[in-house]
PDB file of N, CA and C in Angstrom:
ATOM      1  N   MET A   1      28.109 -24.739  22.429  1.00  0.00           N
ATOM      2  CA  MET A   1      26.944 -25.193  21.784  1.00  0.00           C
ATOM      3  C   MET A   1      25.796 -23.989  22.040  1.00  0.00           C
ATOM      4  N   GLN A   2      25.817 -23.669  23.314  1.00  0.00           N
ATOM      5  CA  GLN A   2      24.684 -22.758  23.743  1.00  0.00           C
ATOM      6  C   GLN A   2      25.129 -21.371  23.082  1.00  0.00           C
ATOM      7  N   ALA A   3      26.273 -21.031  22.905  1.00  0.00           N
ATOM      8  CA  ALA A   3      26.720 -19.911  22.412  1.00  0.00           C
ATOM      9  C   ALA A   3      26.313 -19.803  20.798  1.00  0.00           C
ATOM     10  N   GLU A   4      26.361 -20.881  20.183  1.00  0.00           N
ATOM     11  CA  GLU A   4      25.987 -21.043  18.770  1.00  0.00           C
ATOM     12  C   GLU A   4      24.724 -20.804  18.550  1.00  0.00           C
ATOM     13  N   VAL A   5      23.833 -21.548  19.480  1.00  0.00           N
ATOM     14  CA  VAL A   5      22.367 -21.504  19.669  1.00  0.00           C
ATOM     15  C   VAL A   5      21.929 -19.875  19.690  1.00  0.00           C
ATOM     16  N   LYS A   6      22.650 -19.298  20.708  1.00  0.00           N
ATOM     17  CA  LYS A   6      22.304 -17.903  20.969  1.00  0.00           C
ATOM     18  C   LYS A   6      22.618 -16.951  19.706  1.00  0.00           C
ATOM     19  N   SER A   7      23.938 -17.430  18.946  1.00  0.00           N
ATOM     20  CA  SER A   7      24.221 -16.540  17.909  1.00  0.00           C
ATOM     21  C   SER A   7      23.163 -16.811  16.760  1.00  0.00           C
ATOM     22  N   LEU A   8      22.522 -17.897  16.534  1.00  0.00           N
ATOM     23  CA  LEU A   8      21.538 -18.237  15.441  1.00  0.00           C
ATOM     24  C   LEU A   8      20.273 -17.505  15.867  1.00  0.00           C
ATOM     25  N   GLU A   9      20.091 -17.766  17.349  1.00  0.00           N
ATOM     26  CA  GLU A   9      18.697 -17.011  17.563  1.00  0.00           C
ATOM     27  C   GLU A   9      18.755 -15.491  17.306  1.00  0.00           C
ATOM     28  N   THR A  10      20.062 -14.788  17.546  1.00  0.00           N
ATOM     29  CA  THR A  10      20.090 -13.429  17.338  1.00  0.00           C
ATOM     30  C   THR A  10      20.067 -13.171  15.750  1.00  0.00           C
ATOM     31  N   ARG A  11      20.921 -13.914  15.030  1.00  0.00           N
ATOM     32  CA  ARG A  11      20.787 -13.860  13.454  1.00  0.00           C
ATOM     33  C   ARG A  11      19.460 -14.085  13.037  1.00  0.00           C
ATOM     34  N   LEU A  12      18.514 -14.915  13.459  1.00  0.00           N
ATOM     35  CA  LEU A  12      17.183 -14.988  13.198  1.00  0.00           C
ATOM     36  C   LEU A  12      16.358 -13.843  13.471  1.00  0.00           C
ATOM     37  N   LYS A  13      16.358 -13.313  14.858  1.00  0.00           N
ATOM     38  CA  LYS A  13      15.936 -11.963  15.051  1.00  0.00           C
ATOM     39  C   LYS A  13      16.089 -10.903  14.042  1.00  0.00           C
ATOM     40  N   HIS A  14      17.443 -10.995  13.813  1.00  0.00           N
ATOM     41  CA  HIS A  14      17.839  -9.719  12.921  1.00  0.00           C
ATOM     42  C   HIS A  14      17.281  -9.931  11.445  1.00  0.00           C
ATOM     43  N   SER A  15      17.205 -11.219  11.037  1.00  0.00           N
ATOM     44  CA  SER A  15      16.812 -11.635   9.677  1.00  0.00           C
ATOM     45  C   SER A  15      15.328 -11.217   9.769  1.00  0.00           C
ATOM     46  N   ARG A  16      14.452 -11.538  10.883  1.00  0.00           N
ATOM     47  CA  ARG A  16      13.098 -11.298  10.689  1.00  0.00           C
ATOM     48  C   ARG A  16      12.700  -9.661  10.722  1.00  0.00           C
ATOM     49  N   LYS A  17      13.596  -8.955  11.383  1.00  0.00           N
ATOM     50  CA  LYS A  17      13.549  -7.462  11.378  1.00  0.00           C
ATOM     51  C   LYS A  17      13.856  -7.022  10.069  1.00  0.00           C
ATOM     52  N   GLU A  18      14.851  -7.516   9.216  1.00  0.00           N
ATOM     53  CA  GLU A  18      15.303  -7.153   8.215  1.00  0.00           C
ATOM     54  C   GLU A  18      13.978  -7.403   7.083  1.00  0.00           C
ATOM     55  N   LYS A  19      13.331  -8.868   7.295  1.00  0.00           N
ATOM     56  CA  LYS A  19      12.381  -9.133   6.537  1.00  0.00           C
ATOM     57  C   LYS A  19      11.149  -8.046   6.563  1.00  0.00           C
ATOM     58  N   LYS A  20      10.917  -7.780   7.835  1.00  0.00           N
ATOM     59  CA  LYS A  20       9.610  -6.916   8.317  1.00  0.00           C
ATOM     60  C   LYS A  20       9.984  -5.725   7.279  1.00  0.00           C
ATOM     61  N   GLU A  21      11.265  -5.023   7.458  1.00  0.00           N
ATOM     62  CA  GLU A  21      11.493  -3.884   6.807  1.00  0.00           C
ATOM     63  C   GLU A  21      11.361  -3.754   5.276  1.00  0.00           C
ATOM     64  N   LEU A  22      11.952  -5.000   4.931  1.00  0.00           N
ATOM     65  CA  LEU A  22      11.771  -5.220   3.416  1.00  0.00           C
ATOM     66  C   LEU A  22      10.370  -5.256   2.816  1.00  0.00           C
ATOM     67  N   GLU A  23       9.587  -5.790   3.516  1.00  0.00           N
ATOM     68  CA  GLU A  23       8.156  -5.928   3.343  1.00  0.00           C
ATOM     69  C   GLU A  23       7.555  -4.732   3.309  1.00  0.00           C
ATOM     70  N   GLN A  24       7.893  -3.873   4.525  1.00  0.00           N
ATOM     71  CA  GLN A  24       7.338  -2.490   4.406  1.00  0.00           C
ATOM     72  C   GLN A  24       7.752  -1.781   3.412  1.00  0.00           C
ATOM     73  N   GLN A  25       9.053  -1.738   2.734  1.00  0.00           N
ATOM     74  CA  GLN A  25       9.478  -1.038   1.695  1.00  0.00           C
ATOM     75  C   GLN A  25       8.741  -1.542   0.407  1.00  0.00           C
ATOM     76  N   LEU A  26       8.481  -2.747   0.337  1.00  0.00           N
ATOM     77  CA  LEU A  26       7.836  -3.269  -0.752  1.00  0.00           C
ATOM     78  C   LEU A  26       6.208  -2.798  -0.944  1.00  0.00           C
ATOM     79  N   ALA A  27       5.750  -2.689   0.172  1.00  0.00           N
ATOM     80  CA  ALA A  27       4.244  -2.091   0.274  1.00  0.00           C
ATOM     81  C   ALA A  27       4.420  -0.703  -0.149  1.00  0.00           C
ATOM     82  N   ASP A  28       5.363  -0.042   0.480  1.00  0.00           N
ATOM     83  CA  ASP A  28       5.379   1.418   0.111  1.00  0.00           C
ATOM     84  C   ASP A  28       5.638   1.603  -1.322  1.00  0.00           C
ATOM     85  N   VAL A  29       6.565   0.845  -1.928  1.00  0.00           N
ATOM     86  CA  VAL A  29       6.831   0.875  -3.427  1.00  0.00           C
ATOM     87  C   VAL A  29       5.445   0.437  -4.188  1.00  0.00           C
ATOM     88  N   GLU A  30       4.912  -0.422  -3.861  1.00  0.00           N
ATOM     89  CA  GLU A  30       3.606  -0.877  -4.331  1.00  0.00           C
ATOM     90  C   GLU A  30       2.398   0.134  -4.313  1.00  0.00           C
ATOM     91  N   ARG A  31       2.348   0.796  -3.192  1.00  0.00           N
ATOM     92  CA  ARG A  31       1.434   1.952  -2.961  1.00  0.00           C
ATOM     93  C   ARG A  31       1.732   3.081  -3.959  1.00  0.00           C
ATOM     94  N   GLU A  32       3.217   3.410  -4.161  1.00  0.00           N
ATOM     95  CA  GLU A  32       3.598   4.661  -4.967  1.00  0.00           C
ATOM     96  C   GLU A  32       3.240   4.259  -6.469  1.00  0.00           C
ATOM     97  N   ASN A  33       3.480   2.770  -6.734  1.00  0.00           N
ATOM     98  CA  ASN A  33       3.182   2.386  -8.140  1.00  0.00           C
ATOM     99  C   ASN A  33       1.818   2.562  -8.445  1.00  0.00           C
ATOM    100  N   ASN A  34       0.820   2.202  -7.438  1.00  0.00           N
ATOM    101  CA  ASN A  34      -0.576   2.187  -7.865  1.00  0.00           C
ATOM    102  C   ASN A  34      -0.867   3.865  -7.836  1.00  0.00           C
ATOM    103  N   ILE A  35      -0.203   4.535  -7.176  1.00  0.00           N
ATOM    104  CA  ILE A  35      -0.620   6.040  -7.395  1.00  0.00           C
ATOM    105  C   ILE A  35      -0.179   6.650  -8.616  1.00  0.00           C
ATOM    106  N   LEU A  36       1.017   6.116  -9.148  1.00  0.00           N
ATOM    107  CA  LEU A  36       1.485   6.573 -10.365  1.00  0.00           C
ATOM    108  C   LEU A  36       0.488   5.969 -11.403  1.00  0.00           C
ATOM    109  N   LYS A  37       0.010   4.681 -11.291  1.00  0.00           N
ATOM    110  CA  LYS A  37      -1.040   4.053 -12.372  1.00  0.00           C
ATOM    111  C   LYS A  37      -2.173   4.839 -12.093  1.00  0.00           C
ATOM    112  N   ASP A  38      -2.548   5.273 -11.100  1.00  0.00           N
ATOM    113  CA  ASP A  38      -3.943   6.154 -10.898  1.00  0.00           C
ATOM    114  C   ASP A  38      -3.685   7.366 -11.688  1.00  0.00           C
ATOM    115  N   GLY A  39      -2.493   8.133 -11.286  1.00  0.00           N
ATOM    116  CA  GLY A  39      -2.347   9.233 -12.044  1.00  0.00           C
ATOM    117  C   GLY A  39      -2.261   9.159 -13.556  1.00  0.00           C
ATOM    118  N   THR A  40      -1.669   8.222 -13.966  1.00  0.00           N
ATOM    119  CA  THR A  40      -1.658   7.979 -15.571  1.00  0.00           C
ATOM    120  C   THR A  40      -3.123   7.790 -15.905  1.00  0.00           C
ATOM    121  N   VAL A  41      -3.866   6.907 -15.222  1.00  0.00           N
ATOM    122  CA  VAL A  41      -5.244   6.607 -15.663  1.00  0.00           C
ATOM    123  C   VAL A  41      -6.058   7.883 -15.767  1.00  0.00           C
ATOM    124  N   LEU A  42      -5.833   8.813 -14.819  1.00  0.00           N
ATOM    125  CA  LEU A  42      -6.537   9.980 -14.628  1.00  0.00           C
ATOM    126  C   LEU A  42      -5.985  10.830 -15.692  1.00  0.00           C
ATOM    127  N   ASN A  43      -4.873  10.998 -16.003  1.00  0.00           N
ATOM    128  CA  ASN A  43      -4.425  11.868 -17.134  1.00  0.00           C
ATOM    129  C   ASN A  43      -4.981  11.425 -18.480  1.00  0.00           C
ATOM    130  N   ARG A  44      -5.247   9.940 -18.680  1.00  0.00           N
ATOM    131  CA  ARG A  44      -5.852   9.633 -19.848  1.00  0.00           C
ATOM    132  C   ARG A  44      -7.460   9.999 -19.947  1.00  0.00           C
ATOM    133  N   ARG A  45      -7.892  10.021 -18.782  1.00  0.00           N
ATOM    134  CA  ARG A  45      -9.418  10.274 -18.556  1.00  0.00           C
ATOM    135  C   ARG A  45      -9.536  11.893 -18.726  1.00  0.00           C
ATOM    136  N   LEU A  46      -8.774  12.540 -18.282  1.00  0.00           N
ATOM    137  CA  LEU A  46      -8.873  13.961 -18.334  1.00  0.00           C
ATOM    138  C   LEU A  46      -8.761  14.310 -19.876  1.00  0.00           C
ATOM    139  N   GLU A  47      -7.643  13.699 -20.599  1.00  0.00           N
ATOM    140  CA  GLU A  47      -7.617  14.021 -21.864  1.00  0.00           C
ATOM    141  C   GLU A  47      -8.720  13.544 -22.699  1.00  0.00           C
ATOM    142  N   GLN A  48      -9.376  12.417 -22.436  1.00  0.00           N
ATOM    143  CA  GLN A  48     -10.605  12.034 -22.929  1.00  0.00           C
ATOM    144  C   GLN A  48     -11.773  13.245 -22.982  1.00  0.00           C
ATOM    145  N   ILE A  49     -11.869  13.503 -21.585  1.00  0.00           N
ATOM    146  CA  ILE A  49     -12.853  14.692 -21.191  1.00  0.00           C
ATOM    147  C   ILE A  49     -12.658  15.748 -22.099  1.00  0.00           C
ATOM    148  N   ARG A  50     -11.234  16.198 -22.186  1.00  0.00           N
ATOM    149  CA  ARG A  50     -11.023  17.558 -22.979  1.00  0.00           C
ATOM    150  C   ARG A  50     -11.553  17.271 -24.527  1.00  0.00           C
ATOM    151  N   GLU A  51     -11.097  15.937 -25.064  1.00  0.00           N
ATOM    152  CA  GLU A  51     -11.425  15.703 -26.487  1.00  0.00           C
ATOM    153  C   GLU A  51     -12.932  15.839 -26.536  1.00  0.00           C
ATOM    154  N   LEU A  52     -13.784  15.201 -25.631  1.00  0.00           N
ATOM    155  CA  LEU A  52     -15.166  15.436 -25.744  1.00  0.00           C
ATOM    156  C   LEU A  52     -15.698  16.623 -25.649  1.00  0.00           C
ATOM    157  N   GLU A  53     -14.905  17.531 -24.789  1.00  0.00           N
ATOM    158  CA  GLU A  53     -15.472  19.042 -24.744  1.00  0.00           C
ATOM    159  C   GLU A  53     -15.305  19.752 -25.908  1.00  0.00           C
ATOM    160  N   ARG A  54     -14.068  19.402 -26.585  1.00  0.00           N
ATOM    161  CA  ARG A  54     -13.817  20.006 -28.108  1.00  0.00           C
ATOM    162  C   ARG A  54     -14.966  19.523 -29.000  1.00  0.00           C
ATOM    163  N   GLU A  55     -15.242  18.273 -28.930  1.00  0.00           N
ATOM    164  CA  GLU A  55     -16.260  17.813 -29.898  1.00  0.00           C
ATOM    165  C   GLU A  55     -17.599  18.372 -29.631  1.00  0.00           C
ATOM    166  N   ASN A  56     -18.077  18.507 -28.127  1.00  0.00           N
ATOM    167  CA  ASN A  56     -19.180  19.082 -28.023  1.00  0.00           C
ATOM    168  C   ASN A  56     -19.090  20.555 -28.429  1.00  0.00           C
ATOM    169  N   GLN A  57     -18.299  21.459 -28.305  1.00  0.00           N
ATOM    170  CA  GLN A  57     -18.043  22.638 -28.654  1.00  0.00           C
ATOM    171  C   GLN A  57     -18.387  22.922 -30.086  1.00  0.00           C
ATOM    172  N   GLN A  58     -17.780  21.968 -30.823  1.00  0.00           N
ATOM    173  CA  GLN A  58     -17.830  21.864 -32.371  1.00  0.00           C
ATOM    174  C   GLN A  58     -19.224  21.600 -32.729  1.00  0.00           C
ATOM    175  N   LEU A  59     -19.981  20.896 -32.100  1.00  0.00           N
ATOM    176  CA  LEU A  59     -21.324  20.454 -32.186  1.00  0.00           C
ATOM    177  C   LEU A  59     -22.331  21.426 -31.966  1.00  0.00           C
ATOM    178  N   ARG A  60     -21.960  22.306 -30.956  1.00  0.00           N
ATOM    179  CA  ARG A  60     -22.701  23.500 -30.537  1.00  0.00           C
ATOM    180  C   ARG A  60     -22.602  24.481 -31.655  1.00  0.00           C
ATOM    181  N   GLN A  61     -21.559  24.581 -32.324  1.00  0.00           N
ATOM    182  CA  GLN A  61     -21.244  25.628 -33.178  1.00  0.00           C
ATOM    183  C   GLN A  61     -21.864  25.147 -34.687  1.00  0.00           C
ATOM    184  N   GLN A  62     -22.005  24.009 -34.906  1.00  0.00           N
ATOM    185  CA  GLN A  62     -22.521  23.464 -36.193  1.00  0.00           C
ATOM    186  C   GLN A  62     -23.981  23.956 -36.397  1.00  0.00           C
ATOM    187  N   PRO A  63     -25.188  23.770 -35.387  1.00  0.00           N
ATOM    188  CA  PRO A  63     -26.334  24.191 -35.787  1.00  0.00           C
ATOM    189  C   PRO A  63     -26.487  25.614 -35.891  1.00  0.00           C
ATOM    190  N   GLN A  64     -25.604  26.337 -35.301  1.00  0.00           N
ATOM    191  CA  GLN A  64     -25.739  28.025 -35.484  1.00  0.00           C
ATOM    192  C   GLN A  64     -25.309  28.431 -36.954  1.00  0.00           C
ATOM    193  N   THR A  65     -24.261  27.572 -37.339  1.00  0.00           N
ATOM    194  CA  THR A  65     -23.805  27.956 -38.789  1.00  0.00           C
ATOM    195  C   THR A  65     -24.771  27.206 -39.710  1.00  0.00           C
ATOM    196  N   ALA A  66     -25.304  25.994 -39.325  1.00  0.00           N
ATOM    197  CA  ALA A  66     -26.094  25.439 -40.410  1.00  0.00           C
ATOM    198  C   ALA A  66     -27.532  26.110 -40.302  1.00  0.00           C
ATOM    199  N   GLY A  67     -27.845  26.824 -39.174  1.00  0.00           N
ATOM    200  CA  GLY A  67     -29.273  27.486 -39.080  1.00  0.00           C
ATOM    201  C   GLY A  67     -29.359  28.718 -40.017  1.00  0.00           C
ATOM    202  N   VAL A  68     -28.098  29.398 -39.971  1.00  0.00           N
ATOM    203  CA  VAL A  68     -27.972  30.524 -40.881  1.00  0.00           C
ATOM    204  C   VAL A  68     -28.186  30.303 -42.421  1.00  0.00           C
ATOM    205  N   SER A  69     -27.679  29.139 -42.827  1.00  0.00           N
ATOM    206  CA  SER A  69     -27.640  28.845 -44.203  1.00  0.00           C
ATOM    207  C   SER A  69     -28.852  28.112 -44.615  1.00  0.00           C
ATOM    208  N   VAL A  70     -29.577  27.416 -43.553  1.00  0.00           N
ATOM    209  CA  VAL A  70     -30.720  26.774 -44.071  1.00  0.00           C
ATOM    210  C   VAL A  70     -32.044  27.677 -43.852  1.00  0.00           C
ATOM    211  N   GLN A  71     -32.033  28.904 -43.305  1.00  0.00           N
ATOM    212  CA  GLN A  71     -33.079  29.580 -42.981  1.00  0.00           C
ATOM    213  C   GLN A  71     -33.661  29.987 -44.305  1.00  0.00           C
ATOM    214  N   PRO A  72     -35.018  29.794 -44.571  1.00  0.00           N
ATOM    215  CA  PRO A  72     -35.808  30.182 -45.860  1.00  0.00           C
ATOM    216  C   PRO A  72     -35.775  31.684 -45.993  1.00  0.00           C
ATOM    217  N   ASP A  73     -35.834  31.956 -47.278  1.00  0.00           N
ATOM    218  CA  ASP A  73     -35.892  33.367 -47.856  1.00  0.00           C
ATOM    219  C   ASP A  73     -37.382  33.579 -47.820  1.00  0.00           C
ATOM    220  N   TYR A  74     -37.913  34.065 -46.696  1.00  0.00           N
ATOM    221  CA  TYR A  74     -39.424  34.593 -46.750  1.00  0.00           C
ATOM    222  C   TYR A  74     -39.862  35.553 -47.462  1.00  0.00           C
ATOM    223  N   GLU A  75     -39.008  36.511 -47.788  1.00  0.00           N
ATOM    224  CA  GLU A  75     -39.468  37.576 -48.866  1.00  0.00           C
ATOM    225  C   GLU A  75     -39.420  36.957 -50.395  1.00  0.00           C
ATOM    226  N   ALA A  76     -38.743  36.041 -50.815  1.00  0.00           N
ATOM    227  CA  ALA A  76     -38.723  35.531 -51.961  1.00  0.00           C
ATOM    228  C   ALA A  76     -39.960  34.656 -52.066  1.00  0.00           C
ATOM    229  N   THR A  77     -40.232  33.909 -51.064  1.00  0.00           N
ATOM    230  CA  THR A  77     -41.623  33.170 -51.095  1.00  0.00           C
ATOM    231  C   THR A  77     -42.728  34.011 -51.027  1.00  0.00           C
ATOM    232  N   ARG A  78     -42.714  35.068 -50.339  1.00  0.00           N
ATOM    233  CA  ARG A  78     -43.808  36.012 -50.315  1.00  0.00           C
ATOM    234  C   ARG A  78     -43.912  36.692 -51.587  1.00  0.00           C
ATOM    235  N   ASP A  79     -42.901  36.847 -52.514  1.00  0.00           N
ATOM    236  CA  ASP A  79     -43.028  37.546 -53.609  1.00  0.00           C
ATOM    237  C   ASP A  79     -43.549  36.643 -54.698  1.00  0.00           C
ATOM    238  N   ARG A  80     -43.258  35.302 -54.582  1.00  0.00           N
ATOM    239  CA  ARG A  80     -43.695  34.353 -55.438  1.00  0.00           C
ATOM    240  C   ARG A  80     -45.293  33.999 -55.233  1.00  0.00           C
ATOM    241  N   THR A  81     -45.631  34.013 -54.092  1.00  0.00           N
ATOM    242  CA  THR A  81     -47.004  33.852 -53.607  1.00  0.00           C
ATOM    243  C   THR A  81     -47.998  35.026 -54.315  1.00  0.00           C
ATOM    244  N   LEU A  82     -47.422  36.112 -53.845  1.00  0.00           N
ATOM    245  CA  LEU A  82     -48.292  37.312 -54.283  1.00  0.00           C
ATOM    246  C   LEU A  82     -48.341  37.311 -55.822  1.00  0.00           C
ATOM    247  N   ASN A  83     -47.209  37.084 -56.399  1.00  0.00           N
ATOM    248  CA  ASN A  83     -47.188  37.041 -57.978  1.00  0.00           C
ATOM    249  C   ASN A  83     -48.316  36.000 -58.427  1.00  0.00           C
ATOM    250  N   LYS A  84     -48.184  34.746 -57.606  1.00  0.00           N
ATOM    251  CA  LYS A  84     -49.181  33.774 -58.214  1.00  0.00           C
ATOM    252  C   LYS A  84     -50.711  34.275 -58.042  1.00  0.00           C
ATOM    253  N   LEU A  85     -50.795  34.902 -57.004  1.00  0.00           N
ATOM    254  CA  LEU A  85     -52.183  35.513 -56.669  1.00  0.00           C
ATOM    255  C   LEU A  85     -52.588  36.871 -57.493  1.00  0.00           C
ATOM    256  N   LYS A  86     -51.422  37.304 -58.180  1.00  0.00           N
ATOM    257  CA  LYS A  86     -51.723  38.570 -59.049  1.00  0.00           C
ATOM    258  C   LYS A  86     -52.138  39.643 -58.061  1.00  0.00           C
ATOM    259  N   VAL A  87     -51.382  39.721 -56.970  1.00  0.00           N
ATOM    260  CA  VAL A  87     -51.689  40.936 -56.172  1.00  0.00           C
ATOM    261  C   VAL A  87     -50.285  41.612 -55.848  1.00  0.00           C
ATOM    262  N   GLY A  88     -50.311  42.828 -55.210  1.00  0.00           N
ATOM    263  CA  GLY A  88     -49.294  43.402 -54.879  1.00  0.00           C
ATOM    264  C   GLY A  88     -48.855  43.348 -53.387  1.00  0.00           C
ATOM    265  N   LYS A  89     -47.617  43.867 -52.988  1.00  0.00           N
ATOM    266  CA  LYS A  89     -47.312  43.982 -51.649  1.00  0.00           C
ATOM    267  C   LYS A  89     -48.328  44.735 -50.722  1.00  0.00           C
ATOM    268  N   GLN A  90     -48.739  45.776 -51.334  1.00  0.00           N
ATOM    269  CA  GLN A  90     -49.592  46.718 -50.490  1.00  0.00           C
ATOM    270  C   GLN A  90     -50.896  46.170 -50.490  1.00  0.00           C
ATOM    271  N   SER A  91     -51.261  45.007 -50.947  1.00  0.00           N
ATOM    272  CA  SER A  91     -52.749  44.362 -50.832  1.00  0.00           C
ATOM    273  C   SER A  91     -52.912  43.959 -49.517  1.00  0.00           C
ATOM    274  N   THR A  92     -54.155  43.624 -49.180  1.00  0.00           N
ATOM    275  CA  THR A  92     -54.188  42.829 -47.900  1.00  0.00           C
ATOM    276  C   THR A  92     -53.620  41.652 -47.598  1.00  0.00           C
ATOM    277  N   ALA A  93     -53.595  40.848 -48.809  1.00  0.00           N
ATOM    278  CA  ALA A  93     -52.827  39.651 -48.699  1.00  0.00           C
ATOM    279  C   ALA A  93     -51.326  39.853 -48.537  1.00  0.00           C
ATOM    280  N   GLY A  94     -50.639  40.784 -49.164  1.00  0.00           N
ATOM    281  CA  GLY A  94     -49.521  41.210 -49.109  1.00  0.00           C
ATOM    282  C   GLY A  94     -49.122  41.549 -47.640  1.00  0.00           C
ATOM    283  N   LYS A  95     -50.053  42.437 -47.095  1.00  0.00           N
ATOM    284  CA  LYS A  95     -49.781  42.998 -45.720  1.00  0.00           C
ATOM    285  C   LYS A  95     -49.904  41.837 -44.646  1.00  0.00           C
ATOM    286  N   ALA A  96     -50.750  40.882 -45.066  1.00  0.00           N
ATOM    287  CA  ALA A  96     -51.037  39.591 -44.122  1.00  0.00           C
ATOM    288  C   ALA A  96     -49.745  38.793 -44.131  1.00  0.00           C
ATOM    289  N   ILE A  97     -49.211  38.605 -45.287  1.00  0.00           N
ATOM    290  CA  ILE A  97     -48.012  37.710 -45.436  1.00  0.00           C
ATOM    291  C   ILE A  97     -46.799  38.462 -44.738  1.00  0.00           C
ATOM    292  N   ASP A  98     -46.684  39.840 -44.865  1.00  0.00           N
ATOM    293  CA  ASP A  98     -45.600  40.549 -44.301  1.00  0.00           C
ATOM    294  C   ASP A  98     -45.706  40.444 -42.684  1.00  0.00           C
ATOM    295  N   ALA A  99     -47.074  40.458 -42.298  1.00  0.00           N
ATOM    296  CA  ALA A  99     -47.261  40.390 -40.713  1.00  0.00           C
ATOM    297  C   ALA A  99     -46.665  39.009 -40.323  1.00  0.00           C
ATOM    298  N   PHE A 100     -47.025  37.842 -41.039  1.00  0.00           N
ATOM    299  CA  PHE A 100     -46.942  36.618 -40.688  1.00  0.00           C
ATOM    300  C   PHE A 100     -45.408  36.443 -40.791  1.00  0.00           C
ATOM    301  N   ILE A 101     -44.520  36.894 -41.769  1.00  0.00           N
ATOM    302  CA  ILE A 101     -43.020  36.826 -41.821  1.00  0.00           C
ATOM    303  C   ILE A 101     -42.526  37.471 -40.770  1.00  0.00           C
ATOM    304  N   LYS A 102     -43.173  38.679 -40.211  1.00  0.00           N
ATOM    305  CA  LYS A 102     -42.596  39.288 -39.122  1.00  0.00           C
ATOM    306  C   LYS A 102     -42.575  38.285 -37.785  1.00  0.00           C
ATOM    307  N   GLU A 103     -43.685  37.821 -37.717  1.00  0.00           N
ATOM    308  CA  GLU A 103     -43.897  36.937 -36.456  1.00  0.00           C
ATOM    309  C   GLU A 103     -43.018  35.717 -36.617  1.00  0.00           C
ATOM    310  N   LEU A 104     -42.789  35.263 -37.926  1.00  0.00           N
ATOM    311  CA  LEU A 104     -41.828  34.088 -37.955  1.00  0.00           C
ATOM    312  C   LEU A 104     -40.454  34.358 -37.403  1.00  0.00           C
ATOM    313  N   LYS A 105     -40.043  35.629 -37.943  1.00  0.00           N
ATOM    314  CA  LYS A 105     -38.640  36.154 -37.494  1.00  0.00           C
ATOM    315  C   LYS A 105     -38.473  36.463 -36.241  1.00  0.00           C
ATOM    316  N   HIS A 106     -39.607  36.914 -35.508  1.00  0.00           N
ATOM    317  CA  HIS A 106     -39.601  37.421 -34.284  1.00  0.00           C
ATOM    318  C   HIS A 106     -39.505  36.027 -33.372  1.00  0.00           C
ATOM    319  N   GLY A 107     -39.942  34.899 -33.740  1.00  0.00           N
ATOM    320  CA  GLY A 107     -39.885  33.632 -33.081  1.00  0.00           C
ATOM    321  C   GLY A 107     -38.648  33.064 -33.144  1.00  0.00           C
ATOM    322  N   LEU A 108     -37.784  33.364 -34.060  1.00  0.00           N
ATOM    323  CA  LEU A 108     -36.417  32.794 -34.106  1.00  0.00           C
ATOM    324  C   LEU A 108     -35.582  33.607 -33.150  1.00  0.00           C
TER     325      LEU A 108
END
């Protein structure tokens, strides 16, 4: 009977040791799984950041191209204004408008 009890105690110790090892393995696997999940999330975030950077770059380029096409034709406006005033480009008004246009272009 004592031998049987000793045998059961030994088996119990061995089973507890195995349980501890299995729990450690499970914890390791769960840690690895979390790392992989974090990596997947990070990859998704990285792709979102790249997409936002592409959109940002496109938006930065739009005003430059839009600004070129939207810029008014100052010389045509000058000519229409001088024509309405019935004066030429060499008049004081014409020279003043040319100076004004030059300042506008310099500011851009």
